[in-house]
Amino acid sequence: MPSALIKSYIYDPAGATLTIIFVSGRAYAYADAPKDVAEGLRLAFAKVEYFNKNIRDRFAHSAL
């Protein structure tokens, strides 16, 4: 399901990095994110709710 705030996301299993690009154009890389978290985001009906509950403030991140 498309999200009003999350434009796209990419998971790098080799680096365990989840990159999220927001509709605003801002992008952040979330370090040490397990594959199941990325898969959960992919499957989530409410991506922003999943992001807020399972990713935001749980992983070290940096702006790209």
N, C-alpha and C. Protein backbone atom coordinates (compact mmCIF):
# COMPACT_ATOMS: atom_id res chain seq x y z
N MET A 1 0.84 -1.18 0.00
CA MET A 1 0.00 0.00 0.00
C MET A 1 0.88 1.24 0.00
N PRO A 2 0.60 2.22 -0.84
CA PRO A 2 1.38 3.45 -0.85
C PRO A 2 1.22 4.20 0.47
N SER A 3 2.21 5.02 0.77
CA SER A 3 2.20 5.78 2.01
C SER A 3 2.15 7.27 1.70
N ALA A 4 1.50 8.02 2.56
CA ALA A 4 1.43 9.47 2.39
C ALA A 4 2.75 10.14 2.76
N LEU A 5 3.58 9.48 3.56
CA LEU A 5 4.83 10.10 4.02
C LEU A 5 6.09 9.39 3.53
N ILE A 6 6.01 8.09 3.28
CA ILE A 6 7.18 7.33 2.85
C ILE A 6 7.08 7.11 1.35
N LYS A 7 8.06 7.66 0.62
CA LYS A 7 8.06 7.54 -0.84
C LYS A 7 8.57 6.18 -1.27
N SER A 8 9.71 5.76 -0.69
CA SER A 8 10.28 4.46 -1.04
C SER A 8 11.28 4.04 0.03
N TYR A 9 11.74 2.82 -0.09
CA TYR A 9 12.72 2.30 0.86
C TYR A 9 13.51 1.20 0.17
N ILE A 10 14.74 1.04 0.61
CA ILE A 10 15.65 0.05 0.05
C ILE A 10 16.35 -0.63 1.21
N TYR A 11 16.45 -1.94 1.16
CA TYR A 11 17.16 -2.67 2.19
C TYR A 11 18.42 -3.28 1.60
N ASP A 12 19.55 -3.06 2.27
CA ASP A 12 20.82 -3.65 1.88
C ASP A 12 21.16 -4.75 2.88
N PRO A 13 20.94 -6.02 2.52
CA PRO A 13 21.19 -7.09 3.48
C PRO A 13 22.66 -7.24 3.85
N ALA A 14 23.56 -6.92 2.93
CA ALA A 14 24.99 -7.05 3.22
C ALA A 14 25.41 -6.09 4.33
N GLY A 15 24.87 -4.89 4.30
CA GLY A 15 25.21 -3.90 5.31
C GLY A 15 24.17 -3.75 6.40
N ALA A 16 23.08 -4.53 6.30
CA ALA A 16 21.96 -4.45 7.24
C ALA A 16 21.50 -3.00 7.42
N THR A 17 21.38 -2.31 6.28
CA THR A 17 20.98 -0.91 6.29
C THR A 17 19.65 -0.74 5.57
N LEU A 18 18.73 -0.09 6.23
CA LEU A 18 17.43 0.23 5.65
C LEU A 18 17.42 1.72 5.34
N THR A 19 17.31 2.04 4.06
CA THR A 19 17.26 3.44 3.63
C THR A 19 15.82 3.78 3.31
N ILE A 20 15.35 4.86 3.92
CA ILE A 20 13.97 5.29 3.71
C ILE A 20 13.98 6.69 3.11
N ILE A 21 13.26 6.85 2.00
CA ILE A 21 13.13 8.15 1.35
C ILE A 21 11.70 8.62 1.60
N PHE A 22 11.60 9.80 2.18
CA PHE A 22 10.30 10.35 2.52
C PHE A 22 9.77 11.23 1.39
N VAL A 23 8.49 11.45 1.36
CA VAL A 23 7.86 12.27 0.33
C VAL A 23 8.46 13.68 0.32
N SER A 24 8.92 14.15 1.46
CA SER A 24 9.53 15.48 1.56
C SER A 24 10.84 15.57 0.80
N GLY A 25 11.40 14.40 0.42
CA GLY A 25 12.70 14.38 -0.25
C GLY A 25 13.84 14.01 0.67
N ARG A 26 13.60 14.06 1.96
CA ARG A 26 14.63 13.67 2.92
C ARG A 26 14.80 12.17 2.90
N ALA A 27 16.05 11.73 3.10
CA ALA A 27 16.35 10.30 3.13
C ALA A 27 17.23 10.01 4.33
N TYR A 28 16.99 8.87 4.95
CA TYR A 28 17.75 8.46 6.13
C TYR A 28 18.14 7.00 5.98
N ALA A 29 19.34 6.68 6.44
CA ALA A 29 19.83 5.31 6.47
C ALA A 29 19.78 4.83 7.92
N TYR A 30 19.11 3.72 8.15
CA TYR A 30 18.98 3.13 9.48
C TYR A 30 19.91 1.93 9.56
N ALA A 31 20.89 2.01 10.46
CA ALA A 31 21.94 1.00 10.57
C ALA A 31 21.51 -0.19 11.41
N ASP A 32 22.08 -1.34 11.09
CA ASP A 32 21.86 -2.58 11.84
C ASP A 32 20.39 -2.97 11.92
N ALA A 33 19.66 -2.68 10.88
CA ALA A 33 18.24 -3.06 10.83
C ALA A 33 18.13 -4.50 10.34
N PRO A 34 17.50 -5.37 11.10
CA PRO A 34 17.35 -6.76 10.66
C PRO A 34 16.45 -6.87 9.43
N LYS A 35 16.67 -7.92 8.68
CA LYS A 35 15.88 -8.16 7.47
C LYS A 35 14.39 -8.24 7.78
N ASP A 36 14.03 -8.82 8.92
CA ASP A 36 12.60 -8.96 9.24
C ASP A 36 11.93 -7.62 9.47
N VAL A 37 12.69 -6.62 9.90
CA VAL A 37 12.12 -5.27 10.08
C VAL A 37 11.84 -4.66 8.71
N ALA A 38 12.77 -4.82 7.77
CA ALA A 38 12.55 -4.32 6.41
C ALA A 38 11.37 -5.04 5.76
N GLU A 39 11.29 -6.34 5.98
CA GLU A 39 10.18 -7.12 5.44
C GLU A 39 8.86 -6.70 6.07
N GLY A 40 8.89 -6.39 7.35
CA GLY A 40 7.69 -5.90 8.03
C GLY A 40 7.20 -4.59 7.44
N LEU A 41 8.14 -3.71 7.10
CA LEU A 41 7.77 -2.44 6.47
C LEU A 41 7.14 -2.70 5.11
N ARG A 42 7.72 -3.62 4.36
CA ARG A 42 7.18 -3.95 3.04
C ARG A 42 5.74 -4.47 3.14
N LEU A 43 5.49 -5.29 4.13
CA LEU A 43 4.17 -5.92 4.27
C LEU A 43 3.14 -5.06 5.00
N ALA A 44 3.59 -4.03 5.68
CA ALA A 44 2.70 -3.21 6.51
C ALA A 44 1.65 -2.47 5.68
N PHE A 45 0.42 -2.54 6.13
CA PHE A 45 -0.66 -1.79 5.49
C PHE A 45 -0.48 -0.30 5.79
N ALA A 46 -0.18 0.02 7.04
CA ALA A 46 0.05 1.40 7.48
C ALA A 46 1.55 1.59 7.70
N LYS A 47 2.26 1.96 6.63
CA LYS A 47 3.72 2.04 6.68
C LYS A 47 4.23 3.06 7.70
N VAL A 48 3.58 4.19 7.81
CA VAL A 48 4.03 5.21 8.76
C VAL A 48 3.86 4.70 10.19
N GLU A 49 2.76 4.04 10.46
CA GLU A 49 2.54 3.48 11.79
C GLU A 49 3.60 2.43 12.10
N TYR A 50 3.90 1.57 11.14
CA TYR A 50 4.94 0.55 11.34
C TYR A 50 6.29 1.22 11.57
N PHE A 51 6.60 2.23 10.75
CA PHE A 51 7.86 2.96 10.90
C PHE A 51 7.97 3.56 12.30
N ASN A 52 6.93 4.24 12.74
CA ASN A 52 6.96 4.88 14.06
C ASN A 52 7.13 3.88 15.19
N LYS A 53 6.53 2.71 15.05
CA LYS A 53 6.55 1.70 16.11
C LYS A 53 7.82 0.85 16.11
N ASN A 54 8.35 0.56 14.92
CA ASN A 54 9.39 -0.44 14.80
C ASN A 54 10.75 0.04 14.30
N ILE A 55 10.82 1.25 13.77
CA ILE A 55 12.08 1.72 13.19
C ILE A 55 12.54 3.03 13.82
N ARG A 56 11.68 4.01 13.83
CA ARG A 56 12.03 5.33 14.36
C ARG A 56 12.52 5.22 15.80
N ASP A 57 13.63 5.84 16.08
CA ASP A 57 14.23 5.87 17.43
C ASP A 57 14.68 4.49 17.93
N ARG A 58 14.69 3.48 17.08
CA ARG A 58 15.16 2.15 17.49
C ARG A 58 16.51 1.80 16.88
N PHE A 59 16.86 2.48 15.80
CA PHE A 59 18.12 2.20 15.12
C PHE A 59 18.88 3.50 14.92
N ALA A 60 20.20 3.40 15.01
CA ALA A 60 21.04 4.56 14.71
C ALA A 60 20.77 4.94 13.26
N HIS A 61 20.65 6.23 12.99
CA HIS A 61 20.36 6.66 11.63
C HIS A 61 21.14 7.91 11.27
N SER A 62 21.28 8.12 9.98
CA SER A 62 21.96 9.32 9.50
C SER A 62 21.23 9.84 8.28
N ALA A 63 21.21 11.15 8.15
CA ALA A 63 20.59 11.78 6.99
C ALA A 63 21.51 11.59 5.79
N LEU A 64 20.90 11.40 4.65
CA LEU A 64 21.68 11.22 3.42
C LEU A 64 21.59 12.46 2.56
